[in-house]
Protein backbone atom coordinates (compact mmCIF):
# COMPACT_ATOMS: atom_id res chain seq x y z
CA MET A 1 108.61 51.35 114.09
CA GLU A 2 111.96 51.65 114.28
CA THR A 3 114.59 52.43 117.07
CA TYR A 4 117.34 54.22 117.63
CA THR A 5 120.02 53.75 120.92
CA HIS A 6 122.19 56.61 119.56
CA ASP A 7 121.54 59.95 117.67
CA GLY A 8 124.50 58.62 115.79
CA GLU A 9 122.50 55.46 114.20
CA LYS A 10 119.23 57.82 113.38
CA ALA A 11 121.54 59.90 111.37
CA GLU A 12 122.77 57.04 109.88
CA ALA A 13 119.21 55.87 108.25
CA HIS A 14 118.21 58.87 107.73
CA ILE A 15 121.07 59.27 105.12
CA ASP A 16 120.75 55.87 103.88
CA ALA A 17 117.43 56.36 102.90
CA THR A 18 118.62 59.32 100.82
CA THR A 19 121.32 57.00 99.00
CA PRO A 20 120.78 56.44 95.41
CA GLY A 21 120.33 52.88 94.89
CA VAL A 22 119.19 52.09 98.08
CA SER A 23 115.08 51.33 98.01
CA THR A 24 112.86 52.14 101.16
CA GLU A 25 109.41 50.96 101.65
CA ALA A 26 108.81 54.24 103.33
CA PRO A 27 111.01 57.61 103.05
CA ILE A 28 112.17 58.74 106.08
CA GLU A 29 111.65 62.72 106.87
CA LEU A 30 115.28 63.93 106.79
CA SER A 31 116.30 65.90 110.05
CA LEU A 32 119.85 67.07 108.68
CA THR A 33 120.69 70.18 107.28
CA LYS A 34 122.14 69.99 103.32
CA THR A 35 125.28 70.98 104.33
CA GLN A 36 125.69 68.29 107.22
CA SER A 37 127.27 65.10 106.23
CA ARG A 38 128.00 61.77 107.93
CA PRO A 39 132.13 63.09 108.77
CA ALA A 40 130.82 66.44 109.49
CA TYR A 41 128.83 65.14 112.19
CA ALA A 42 130.95 62.26 113.28
CA LEU A 43 134.07 64.71 113.81
CA GLY A 44 131.35 67.10 115.70
CA CYS A 45 130.73 64.31 117.96
CA ILE A 46 134.32 63.84 118.26
CA HIS A 47 135.03 67.55 118.97
CA SER A 48 132.34 67.65 121.44
CA GLN A 49 133.28 64.31 123.99
CA LEU A 50 136.91 65.56 123.50
CA THR A 51 136.00 69.55 124.88
CA THR A 52 133.62 67.96 127.41
CA CYS A 53 136.59 65.74 128.77
CA SER A 54 139.38 68.39 128.14
CA LEU A 55 137.35 70.89 130.59
CA ALA A 56 136.67 68.11 133.22
CA GLU A 57 138.10 68.93 136.28
CA PRO A 58 141.06 66.52 137.48
CA GLY A 59 139.91 66.30 140.74
CA PRO A 60 142.36 67.03 143.85
CA PRO A 61 145.84 65.84 142.99
CA PRO A 62 146.90 62.26 144.11
CA ASP A 63 149.89 62.78 146.54
CA GLY A 64 151.32 59.88 145.94
CA GLY A 65 150.67 56.21 143.73
CA PHE A 66 152.16 54.93 140.84
CA ARG A 67 151.70 57.74 138.47
CA ALA A 68 151.91 60.93 140.56
CA TRP A 69 155.84 59.34 141.32
CA SER A 70 156.43 58.02 137.58
CA GLN A 71 156.30 61.39 136.63
CA VAL A 72 158.80 62.42 139.51
CA PHE A 73 161.50 60.11 137.61
CA CYS A 74 160.45 61.18 134.47
CA ALA A 75 161.12 65.28 135.68
CA TRP A 76 164.18 63.48 137.87
CA LEU A 77 165.62 62.14 134.07
CA ALA A 78 165.06 65.76 132.61
CA ILE A 79 166.47 67.64 134.97
CA VAL A 80 169.80 65.34 134.91
CA ASN A 81 170.05 66.02 131.32
CA SER A 82 169.30 69.80 131.72
CA TRP A 83 170.79 71.18 135.18
CA GLY A 84 173.35 68.73 135.77
CA PHE A 85 174.79 69.51 132.12
CA VAL A 86 174.95 73.51 132.95
CA ASN A 87 176.15 72.02 136.61
CA SER A 88 179.07 70.04 135.23
CA PHE A 89 180.35 73.22 133.18
CA GLY A 90 182.61 73.32 136.15
CA ALA A 91 184.49 70.03 134.38
CA PHE A 92 185.02 72.38 131.08
CA GLN A 93 186.07 75.43 132.27
CA PRO A 94 189.37 74.13 133.10
CA TYR A 95 189.86 72.60 129.89
CA TYR A 96 189.12 75.64 127.76
CA GLU A 97 191.13 77.46 129.91
CA THR A 98 194.16 75.29 128.12
CA ILE A 99 192.56 75.52 124.58
CA LEU A 100 191.47 78.76 124.39
CA PRO A 101 193.18 81.97 123.96
CA GLN A 102 190.44 84.05 125.65
CA PRO A 103 190.28 85.15 129.30
CA VAL A 104 188.96 83.09 132.21
CA SER A 105 186.10 85.20 132.07
CA THR A 106 185.27 85.54 128.99
CA ILE A 107 185.66 81.67 129.01
CA SER A 108 183.17 81.87 131.84
CA TRP A 109 180.12 83.73 129.37
CA ILE A 110 179.74 80.02 127.72
CA GLY A 111 178.53 78.16 131.24
CA SER A 112 176.64 81.20 132.11
CA VAL A 113 174.52 81.78 128.85
CA GLN A 114 173.35 78.00 128.83
CA ALA A 115 172.14 78.73 132.76
CA CYS A 116 170.71 81.62 132.04
CA LEU A 117 168.53 80.63 128.99
CA VAL A 118 167.53 77.42 131.07
CA PHE A 119 166.17 79.80 133.68
CA GLY A 120 165.10 82.52 130.68
CA LEU A 121 163.10 80.87 128.70
CA GLY A 122 160.57 79.94 131.49
CA ILE A 123 157.91 82.60 130.96
CA PHE A 124 157.24 81.16 127.41
CA SER A 125 157.69 77.55 128.17
CA GLY A 126 155.12 77.89 131.29
CA ARG A 127 152.61 79.48 129.13
CA ALA A 128 152.62 76.43 126.89
CA LEU A 129 152.06 74.45 129.91
CA ASP A 130 149.30 76.39 131.00
CA ARG A 131 148.04 76.45 127.43
CA GLY A 132 148.15 72.69 126.56
CA TRP A 133 150.96 72.47 125.05
CA PHE A 134 152.97 70.54 126.68
CA ARG A 135 154.01 67.23 124.62
CA PRO A 136 154.77 69.65 121.39
CA THR A 137 157.21 71.93 123.94
CA VAL A 138 158.83 69.60 125.24
CA ALA A 139 159.84 67.87 121.94
CA LEU A 140 160.76 71.22 120.81
CA GLY A 141 163.27 71.54 123.84
CA ILE A 142 164.88 68.24 123.51
CA ALA A 143 165.19 68.37 119.81
CA VAL A 144 167.07 71.68 120.42
CA GLN A 145 169.39 71.00 123.12
CA LEU A 146 170.43 67.63 121.14
CA VAL A 147 171.46 69.77 118.24
CA GLY A 148 173.62 71.77 120.68
CA ILE A 149 175.26 68.85 121.89
CA PHE A 150 176.36 67.09 119.04
CA THR A 151 177.72 70.27 117.04
CA MET A 152 179.58 71.22 119.69
CA SER A 153 181.37 67.98 119.73
CA VAL A 154 182.55 69.29 116.21
CA ALA A 155 183.46 72.87 117.43
CA HIS A 156 186.80 74.13 117.08
CA ASN A 157 187.12 77.76 118.63
CA TYR A 158 185.71 80.02 121.10
CA TRP A 159 182.24 81.20 119.20
CA GLU A 160 181.68 77.97 117.99
CA LEU A 161 181.77 76.72 121.61
CA LEU A 162 179.26 79.88 123.05
CA LEU A 163 176.80 79.09 120.03
CA THR A 164 176.49 75.08 120.66
CA GLN A 165 177.13 74.86 124.27
CA GLY A 166 176.12 77.49 125.46
CA VAL A 167 172.80 78.89 123.59
CA CYS A 168 171.83 75.94 121.49
CA THR A 169 172.16 73.49 124.83
CA GLY A 170 170.66 76.35 127.11
CA ALA A 171 167.74 77.06 124.71
CA GLY A 172 166.89 73.73 124.28
CA SER A 173 166.91 72.85 128.07
CA GLY A 174 165.19 75.90 129.07
CA ILE A 175 161.97 74.71 126.81
CA PHE A 176 161.80 71.57 128.39
CA PHE A 177 162.99 72.23 132.12
CA VAL A 178 159.27 74.54 133.47
CA PRO A 179 157.09 72.79 131.70
CA ILE A 180 158.06 69.48 133.17
CA MET A 181 158.94 71.09 136.72
CA GLY A 182 155.13 72.73 136.20
CA VAL A 183 153.64 69.13 135.42
CA CYS A 184 154.93 67.23 138.48
CA SER A 185 154.23 69.96 140.85
CA THR A 186 150.15 69.47 139.91
CA TYR A 187 150.37 65.96 141.05
CA PHE A 188 151.24 66.54 144.86
CA VAL A 189 149.98 68.89 147.80
CA LYS A 190 151.29 67.94 150.86
CA LYS A 191 154.30 66.29 149.54
CA LYS A 192 155.56 68.82 147.20
CA ALA A 193 158.47 69.94 148.73
CA MET A 194 159.94 66.28 148.95
CA ALA A 195 158.81 65.56 145.11
CA LEU A 196 160.33 68.14 143.84
CA GLY A 197 163.96 68.28 145.51
CA MET A 198 163.83 64.48 144.56
CA VAL A 199 163.26 65.61 141.13
CA THR A 200 166.21 68.34 141.48
CA SER A 201 168.18 65.51 142.85
CA GLY A 202 168.83 65.55 139.18
CA THR A 203 171.13 68.23 139.34
CA ALA A 204 173.31 66.62 141.70
CA MET A 205 173.53 62.89 139.67
CA GLY A 206 173.87 64.74 136.50
CA GLY A 207 176.44 66.82 137.63
CA VAL A 208 178.58 63.83 138.83
CA LEU A 209 177.75 61.83 135.34
CA TYR A 210 178.93 64.43 133.18
CA PRO A 211 182.20 65.09 134.69
CA LEU A 212 183.16 60.89 135.14
CA VAL A 213 182.39 60.74 131.28
CA VAL A 214 184.37 63.47 130.56
CA ARG A 215 187.34 62.32 133.21
CA GLN A 216 187.11 58.74 131.87
CA LEU A 217 187.07 59.73 128.00
CA LEU A 218 188.19 62.92 126.93
CA GLY A 219 192.10 61.95 127.16
CA LYS A 220 191.53 58.72 125.88
CA VAL A 221 188.59 59.39 122.88
CA GLY A 222 189.44 63.16 122.58
CA PHE A 223 186.38 66.18 123.08
CA GLY A 224 184.92 65.56 119.83
CA TRP A 225 183.67 62.12 121.17
CA THR A 226 183.45 62.57 124.60
CA VAL A 227 180.57 65.17 123.70
CA ARG A 228 179.34 62.65 121.34
CA VAL A 229 178.74 60.16 124.22
CA LEU A 230 177.43 62.76 126.60
CA GLY A 231 174.74 63.34 123.65
CA PHE A 232 173.87 59.80 123.23
CA MET A 233 172.81 59.56 126.61
CA ASN A 234 170.53 62.46 126.77
CA VAL A 235 168.94 61.03 123.78
CA VAL A 236 167.98 57.73 125.73
CA SER A 237 166.66 59.09 128.57
CA LEU A 238 165.22 62.54 127.02
CA THR A 239 163.36 59.85 124.91
CA PHE A 240 161.47 57.89 127.90
CA CYS A 241 160.85 61.18 129.65
CA ILE A 242 158.31 62.33 127.02
CA ALA A 243 156.71 59.20 126.32
CA PHE A 244 155.79 58.90 130.29
CA MET A 245 155.05 62.20 131.11
CA ARG A 246 150.82 63.02 131.12
CA PRO A 247 150.18 66.91 132.16
CA ARG A 248 147.37 66.35 134.87
CA LEU A 249 145.28 69.42 134.42
CA PRO A 250 143.03 70.81 131.64
CA PRO A 251 144.38 73.83 128.93
CA ARG A 252 144.14 77.05 130.51
CA LYS A 253 142.53 78.64 127.35
CA THR A 254 142.63 82.72 128.47
CA GLY A 255 145.17 84.76 130.39
CA PRO A 256 148.02 86.55 129.62
CA LEU A 257 152.17 85.98 128.81
CA VAL A 258 152.59 87.79 132.36
CA ASP A 259 150.84 87.23 135.33
CA TRP A 260 150.92 90.95 136.00
CA ALA A 261 148.98 90.37 139.86
CA ALA A 262 152.32 88.58 140.82
CA PHE A 263 153.76 92.01 140.94
CA LYS A 264 151.79 93.21 143.90
CA ASP A 265 152.61 90.39 145.55
CA ALA A 266 155.42 91.53 147.87
CA PRO A 267 156.64 88.19 149.14
CA TYR A 268 156.75 87.06 146.12
CA CYS A 269 158.75 89.17 144.79
CA LEU A 270 161.31 89.64 147.51
CA GLN A 271 161.77 85.75 147.04
CA VAL A 272 162.50 86.10 142.87
CA LEU A 273 164.64 89.21 144.38
CA GLY A 274 166.80 87.36 146.57
CA THR A 275 167.44 84.36 144.56
CA CYS A 276 168.77 86.90 141.98
CA PHE A 277 171.42 88.07 144.72
CA MET A 278 172.20 84.44 145.78
CA MET A 279 172.45 82.71 142.36
CA PRO A 280 175.59 84.11 141.01
CA PRO A 281 177.35 82.89 144.01
CA VAL A 282 176.07 79.70 143.64
CA TYR A 283 177.50 79.27 140.00
CA CYS A 284 180.99 81.47 141.43
CA VAL A 285 181.70 77.76 142.97
CA PHE A 286 180.20 75.37 140.86
CA TYR A 287 182.46 76.76 137.76
CA TYR A 288 185.82 77.68 139.74
CA VAL A 289 185.66 74.65 141.92
CA ALA A 290 188.48 72.73 139.91
CA SER A 291 190.09 75.91 138.90
CA TYR A 292 190.96 77.12 142.91
CA ALA A 293 192.02 73.82 143.31
CA ARG A 294 194.37 74.12 139.99
CA ASP A 295 195.78 77.39 141.04
CA GLU A 296 195.52 77.67 144.91
CA LEU A 297 196.21 73.79 146.26
CA GLY A 298 198.50 72.85 142.77
CA MET A 299 196.07 69.81 141.97
CA SER A 300 196.07 68.31 138.40
CA TYR A 301 193.59 68.93 135.78
CA THR A 302 192.25 65.37 136.61
CA GLU A 303 192.46 65.82 140.51
CA SER A 304 190.49 69.06 140.63
CA LEU A 305 187.54 67.38 138.33
CA ASN A 306 186.96 65.18 141.23
CA LEU A 307 186.06 68.24 143.68
CA VAL A 308 183.19 68.84 140.66
CA ILE A 309 182.05 65.32 141.25
CA VAL A 310 182.02 65.68 144.95
CA VAL A 311 180.51 68.98 144.98
CA ASN A 312 177.69 67.88 142.62
CA GLY A 313 177.52 64.47 144.76
CA VAL A 314 176.69 65.27 147.86
CA GLY A 315 173.76 67.37 146.53
CA LEU A 316 172.10 64.23 146.34
CA PRO A 317 170.97 63.47 149.79
CA ALA A 318 170.96 67.50 150.49
CA ARG A 319 168.18 67.78 147.97
CA ILE A 320 165.85 65.11 149.21
CA LEU A 321 166.08 65.19 152.96
CA PRO A 322 164.86 69.13 153.18
CA GLY A 323 162.11 68.37 151.18
CA PHE A 324 160.98 65.78 153.69
CA ILE A 325 161.84 67.70 156.40
CA ALA A 326 159.68 70.76 155.32
CA ASP A 327 156.67 68.66 154.17
CA ARG A 328 156.74 66.60 157.60
CA PHE A 329 158.10 69.07 160.57
CA ILE A 330 158.72 72.97 159.75
CA GLY A 331 157.46 73.72 156.06
CA VAL A 332 159.46 74.75 152.92
CA LEU A 333 160.21 78.44 153.64
CA ASN A 334 161.35 77.81 157.22
CA VAL A 335 164.02 75.21 155.75
CA GLN A 336 165.04 77.33 153.21
CA ALA A 337 165.95 80.17 155.74
CA ILE A 338 168.05 77.37 157.39
CA ALA A 339 169.59 76.38 154.09
CA LEU A 340 170.73 79.80 153.09
CA VAL A 341 172.33 80.66 156.47
CA PHE A 342 174.56 77.79 155.94
CA ASN A 343 175.50 78.89 152.86
CA VAL A 344 176.39 82.33 153.48
CA ILE A 345 178.74 80.38 156.19
CA MET A 346 180.47 78.17 154.26
CA LEU A 347 181.05 81.00 151.51
CA TRP A 348 183.01 82.81 153.59
CA THR A 349 184.79 79.98 155.61
CA TRP A 350 186.25 79.32 152.10
CA LEU A 351 188.72 82.32 152.47
CA SER A 352 189.87 79.82 155.37
CA VAL A 353 191.25 76.73 153.02
CA ASP A 354 194.75 75.96 152.66
CA SER A 355 195.46 72.43 152.12
CA ILE A 356 193.76 69.69 149.94
CA ALA A 357 192.57 67.70 152.87
CA GLY A 358 191.04 71.03 153.79
CA TYR A 359 189.41 71.95 150.28
CA TYR A 360 187.88 68.21 150.25
CA VAL A 361 186.02 68.95 153.54
CA TRP A 362 185.02 72.06 152.74
CA VAL A 363 183.42 71.47 149.33
CA VAL A 364 181.60 68.35 151.04
CA PHE A 365 179.87 70.99 153.26
CA TYR A 366 179.15 73.80 150.73
CA GLY A 367 177.78 70.86 148.19
CA LEU A 368 175.05 70.15 151.48
CA SER A 369 173.91 74.12 151.71
CA ALA A 370 173.87 74.43 148.21
CA GLY A 371 172.21 71.53 146.96
CA ALA A 372 169.57 71.95 149.80
CA PHE A 373 169.29 75.86 148.30
CA GLN A 374 168.81 74.39 144.65
CA SER A 375 166.01 71.59 145.47
CA LEU A 376 163.84 73.89 147.90
CA PHE A 377 163.54 77.15 145.64
CA PRO A 378 161.29 75.54 142.87
CA SER A 379 159.12 74.61 145.80
CA VAL A 380 159.25 78.10 147.62
CA ILE A 381 158.22 79.88 144.02
CA GLY A 382 155.55 77.44 143.97
CA ALA A 383 154.48 78.56 147.72
CA TYR A 384 154.16 81.99 146.60
CA SER A 385 152.04 80.68 143.68
CA PRO A 386 148.36 80.39 145.39
CA ASP A 387 146.38 79.43 142.02
CA ILE A 388 147.53 76.19 140.75
CA ARG A 389 146.44 76.71 137.33
CA LYS A 390 148.88 79.83 137.27
CA THR A 391 151.59 78.01 138.61
CA GLY A 392 153.65 77.24 135.27
CA THR A 393 152.92 80.68 134.70
CA ARG A 394 155.20 82.53 137.95
CA MET A 395 157.23 79.69 137.80
CA GLY A 396 158.06 80.89 134.59
CA MET A 397 158.33 84.30 135.45
CA ALA A 398 160.34 83.89 138.37
CA PHE A 399 162.70 81.68 136.16
CA THR A 400 163.43 84.15 133.46
CA VAL A 401 163.91 86.91 136.10
CA ILE A 402 166.63 84.37 137.99
CA GLY A 403 168.52 83.58 134.78
CA LEU A 404 169.31 87.27 134.01
CA SER A 405 171.23 86.74 136.85
CA ALA A 406 172.81 83.03 136.50
CA LEU A 407 173.94 85.13 133.82
CA ILE A 408 176.58 87.52 135.17
CA GLY A 409 177.82 85.07 138.32
CA GLY A 410 180.38 83.27 136.46
CA PRO A 411 181.94 86.57 134.11
CA ILE A 412 181.74 88.75 137.11
CA SER A 413 183.67 85.81 138.99
CA GLY A 414 186.26 85.69 136.30
CA ALA A 415 186.76 89.58 136.06
CA LEU A 416 187.10 90.25 139.87
CA LEU A 417 190.11 87.17 139.51
CA GLN A 418 191.68 88.89 136.24
CA VAL A 419 191.99 92.86 138.21
CA SER A 420 192.95 90.98 141.71
CA ASP A 421 195.68 89.28 139.73
CA GLY A 422 194.13 85.79 140.21
CA ASN A 423 193.68 86.55 143.90
CA TYR A 424 190.68 84.61 145.09
CA THR A 425 190.00 86.97 148.04
CA VAL A 426 188.34 89.24 145.82
CA PRO A 427 185.63 87.05 144.09
CA ILE A 428 185.01 84.99 147.52
CA SER A 429 184.21 88.09 149.39
CA TRP A 430 181.94 89.55 147.10
CA ALA A 431 179.72 85.74 146.17
CA ALA A 432 179.84 85.50 150.12
CA SER A 433 178.43 89.83 150.44
CA SER A 434 175.59 88.36 147.64
CA MET A 435 174.52 85.14 149.52
CA MET A 436 173.82 87.63 152.57
CA VAL A 437 171.77 90.10 150.63
CA GLY A 438 169.81 87.44 148.84
CA THR A 439 168.77 85.44 152.28
CA ALA A 440 168.06 88.88 154.14
CA LEU A 441 165.79 89.39 151.52
CA CYS A 442 164.04 85.71 151.01
CA VAL A 443 163.62 85.53 154.86
CA SER A 444 161.78 89.26 155.24
CA ALA A 445 159.46 87.58 152.40
CA ARG A 446 158.55 84.62 154.77
CA CYS A 447 157.85 87.14 157.45
CA ILE A 448 155.85 89.34 155.72
CA LYS A 449 153.52 86.28 154.44
CA HIS A 450 153.36 84.40 157.92
CA GLY A 451 154.62 86.99 160.31
CA TRP A 452 158.11 87.13 162.70
CA LYS A 453 157.45 84.19 164.92
CA VAL A 454 159.79 81.37 164.25
CA ARG A 455 157.80 78.22 164.87
CA ILE A 456 155.60 78.96 162.71
CA ARG A 457 154.93 76.12 160.04
CA CYS A 458 155.55 77.74 156.97
């Protein structure tokens, strides 16, 4: 009597027994239906194994190790190429003011649309992450962003720049930004704030790297080839990113596009609303830090680019250290509250700057406080998302709403600057006031969730 160690071997024997030209001494009784073939049986086995593997529980987050930290590095590269490019718009704004006939507030729409789309598409790309479509979503986003950059290099007027740099690069970055952040966050629990802080430090690195390239190449090779060099940089780093990032959680097959329960979560809603008030002032500074140096302090375009580099560069330590303090000592919500208070103070003190040396000092301290805020708010959104499987959806929802506020920051600042005949006091006062309101809302969210005691770690 023959024995079979696997069902597949038994099936093969059954099939071979009925194959023309093959003789057997004793016919074997068929157990397969007439419609079932060897390829179909094999595909069924493979599908069963894949389904079983995909539904297997991944276990607790590793919270460290080579695989987890490699995801941090890949996500860092993606943030360099997405948010770093957005934060570099301050290097393009004063240049566009010299070559385009449009007013300052109109030119600001290029950077604002770009920032809005990076945030705003999160509700769709975050859901794609939850459904297990990480890799095709990220690949699509990278392709769209690169098309935008290379077509931007041949743009000659305002509308072409708005469509390429504003819409196309913003949409591409928005498609891959939230899935990458979502995947990275699932590898950490205790060290999540520090890990995401390290990832968001890519914003500072990109904000230094891109303006440096623009400053060095724009006068030598022209706008077109300067932008193409930026595009080639993104090709290399984003290819590395998509090749090595690995989702940890299995797909979530069901669930709505929007987590409606989040709207009943008062702390979550207050945090998102507060961030909406704080995001426009942040971009007011990043977009106009160089223009202020030229208009108020008489610096040249090349010299003013140094301030864009400085305000982003000091954000490198400012985006890592707060996360470490949050994980190790007082919690992410408490660190955020401290950073927001410093942001309010720095915006009001901008009104007293009247010298180049003083402006450099102010830019350094503002870059530290703004970098801390920007690095922490993704972790804060995660802190208000109790179900780790819905992290992508909740982050996407938050980023979409926040993106609408980012859309108006630059244009409002430019419009206020125009109606005040170039007096920066009006837009600066508006930015500081908006930051105060946002800070109050975010602190209220923290107190509703964890109480009013200061010494509670949260």
